[in-house]
Protein backbone atom coordinates (compact mmCIF):
# COMPACT_ATOMS: atom_id res chain seq x y z
CA MET A 1 0.00 0.00 0.00
CA ASN A 2 1.39 3.39 -0.94
CA LEU A 3 0.31 5.65 1.95
CA GLN A 4 0.69 9.28 2.91
CA LYS A 5 1.84 10.58 6.30
CA GLY A 6 -1.16 10.91 8.62
CA HIS A 7 -3.24 8.25 6.83
CA ASN A 8 -5.59 6.45 9.25
CA LEU A 9 -4.91 2.81 8.30
CA ILE A 10 -7.59 0.32 9.31
CA LEU A 11 -6.35 -3.23 9.92
CA ASP A 12 -8.98 -5.98 10.23
CA LEU A 13 -8.03 -9.64 10.50
CA GLY A 14 -10.53 -12.47 10.62
CA ALA A 15 -11.42 -15.97 9.52
CA PRO A 16 -14.53 -17.92 8.60
CA LYS A 17 -16.57 -18.78 11.70
CA LEU A 18 -15.54 -22.39 12.05
CA PRO A 19 -15.20 -23.91 15.55
CA SER A 20 -11.65 -25.00 14.78
CA LEU A 21 -10.57 -21.43 13.95
CA LYS A 22 -11.94 -19.59 17.00
CA ASN A 23 -8.62 -19.91 18.85
CA ALA A 24 -6.32 -19.95 15.82
CA SER A 25 -4.74 -16.58 16.75
CA PRO A 26 -3.12 -15.57 13.45
CA GLU A 27 -0.64 -12.72 13.74
CA LEU A 28 -0.57 -9.57 11.63
CA TYR A 29 2.59 -7.57 11.00
CA LEU A 30 2.83 -4.16 9.33
CA TYR A 31 6.07 -3.21 7.60
CA HIS A 32 7.34 0.05 6.12
CA GLN A 33 9.65 -0.31 3.13
CA ILE A 34 12.75 1.77 3.82
CA ALA A 35 14.89 0.62 0.86
CA GLU A 36 14.61 -1.64 -2.21
CA GLU A 37 14.74 -4.86 -0.17
CA LYS A 38 14.76 -3.51 3.39
CA PHE A 39 11.70 -3.32 5.62
CA SER A 40 11.05 -2.02 9.11
CA GLU A 41 8.42 -3.73 11.28
CA ILE A 42 6.20 -1.02 12.73
CA TYR A 43 3.31 -3.04 14.18
CA SER A 44 2.80 -6.59 15.40
CA SER A 45 -0.58 -7.88 16.61
CA ASN A 46 1.04 -10.61 18.70
CA LEU A 47 2.28 -7.88 21.05
CA ASP A 48 -1.18 -6.28 21.38
CA LEU A 49 -2.60 -7.85 24.54
CA LYS A 50 -6.00 -6.22 23.94
CA ASN A 51 -6.89 -8.68 21.14
CA THR A 52 -10.05 -10.65 21.78
CA VAL A 53 -12.01 -12.82 19.38
CA SER A 54 -15.43 -11.51 18.41
CA GLU A 55 -18.07 -12.55 15.89
CA PHE A 56 -19.01 -10.67 12.72
CA HIS A 57 -22.00 -11.19 10.41
CA GLU A 58 -21.70 -9.96 6.81
CA PRO A 59 -25.32 -9.44 5.65
CA PHE A 60 -24.68 -9.23 1.89
CA THR A 61 -23.23 -12.76 1.71
CA ASP A 62 -24.93 -13.91 4.94
CA THR A 63 -21.62 -15.26 6.22
CA TYR A 64 -20.12 -15.25 9.70
CA SER A 65 -16.52 -14.68 10.73
CA TRP A 66 -14.30 -14.61 13.76
CA ILE A 67 -12.63 -11.21 14.17
CA TYR A 68 -9.15 -11.43 15.68
CA LEU A 69 -8.04 -7.84 15.19
CA LYS A 70 -9.58 -4.42 14.59
CA LYS A 71 -6.84 -1.82 14.75
CA LYS A 72 -6.39 1.77 13.61
CA TYR A 73 -2.84 2.83 12.93
CA ILE A 74 -1.77 6.37 11.99
CA ILE A 75 0.95 6.33 9.32
CA LYS A 76 3.93 8.40 10.44
CA GLU A 77 5.89 8.45 7.15
CA LYS A 78 4.91 8.53 3.50
CA GLY A 79 5.84 5.35 1.64
CA ASN A 80 5.11 1.75 0.79
CA TYR A 81 3.62 -0.48 3.46
CA PHE A 82 3.18 -4.25 3.50
CA VAL A 83 1.10 -6.59 5.64
CA ARG A 84 2.20 -10.11 6.60
CA ILE A 85 -0.11 -12.63 8.23
CA LYS A 86 1.14 -15.84 9.81
CA SER A 87 0.27 -18.42 12.43
CA SER A 88 2.71 -18.95 15.26
CA GLN A 89 0.98 -22.24 16.05
CA ASN A 90 2.47 -23.79 12.89
CA ILE A 91 -0.95 -24.91 11.63
CA GLN A 92 -2.72 -24.35 8.36
CA THR A 93 -5.55 -21.88 8.75
CA LYS A 94 -7.84 -19.69 6.68
CA THR A 95 -7.83 -15.96 7.25
CA TRP A 96 -8.94 -12.77 5.60
CA PHE A 97 -7.57 -9.27 5.88
CA ALA A 98 -9.33 -5.99 5.18
CA THR A 99 -8.23 -2.40 5.21
CA GLY A 100 -10.62 0.53 5.13
CA ILE A 101 -14.17 1.05 6.31
CA ILE A 102 -16.24 1.27 3.12
CA GLU A 103 -16.93 -1.51 0.63
CA ASP A 104 -17.47 0.23 -2.68
CA PHE A 105 -18.53 -2.29 -5.30
CA GLN A 106 -19.15 -1.35 -8.92
CA ILE A 107 -21.66 -3.11 -11.18
CA THR A 108 -18.84 -5.14 -12.79
CA ASP A 109 -17.79 -6.36 -9.33
CA LEU A 110 -21.30 -7.58 -8.66
CA ILE A 111 -21.47 -9.39 -12.02
CA ASN A 112 -18.22 -11.23 -11.19
CA PHE A 113 -19.25 -11.87 -7.57
CA ALA A 114 -20.91 -15.25 -8.23
CA GLY A 115 -17.72 -16.58 -9.83
CA THR A 116 -15.63 -15.29 -6.93
CA ILE A 117 -17.65 -17.12 -4.29
């Protein structure tokens, strides 16, 4: 993500609401690119002790998810930012990541939606 200084970055991390994933605890890391192949870690969700799992219902698709993280982070420097998601439990899991607060679908997105599901 190419972001400007002062940008209010929304970080949401979740997974499908399956009993086996409730306690999966995936970790989210935010990196700032400081050179061609050099990155600086600026946020790690595994250090945020306020994380609690909650439930989320998405009415458009009528699906349910576990929410592991809802975080707002103010960008301090203009530049390229990258997100990394991993599981410290060394298990395969399913997750999703979202940034932003508004879903803005165009008519072409809705036409392709059935194929995406």
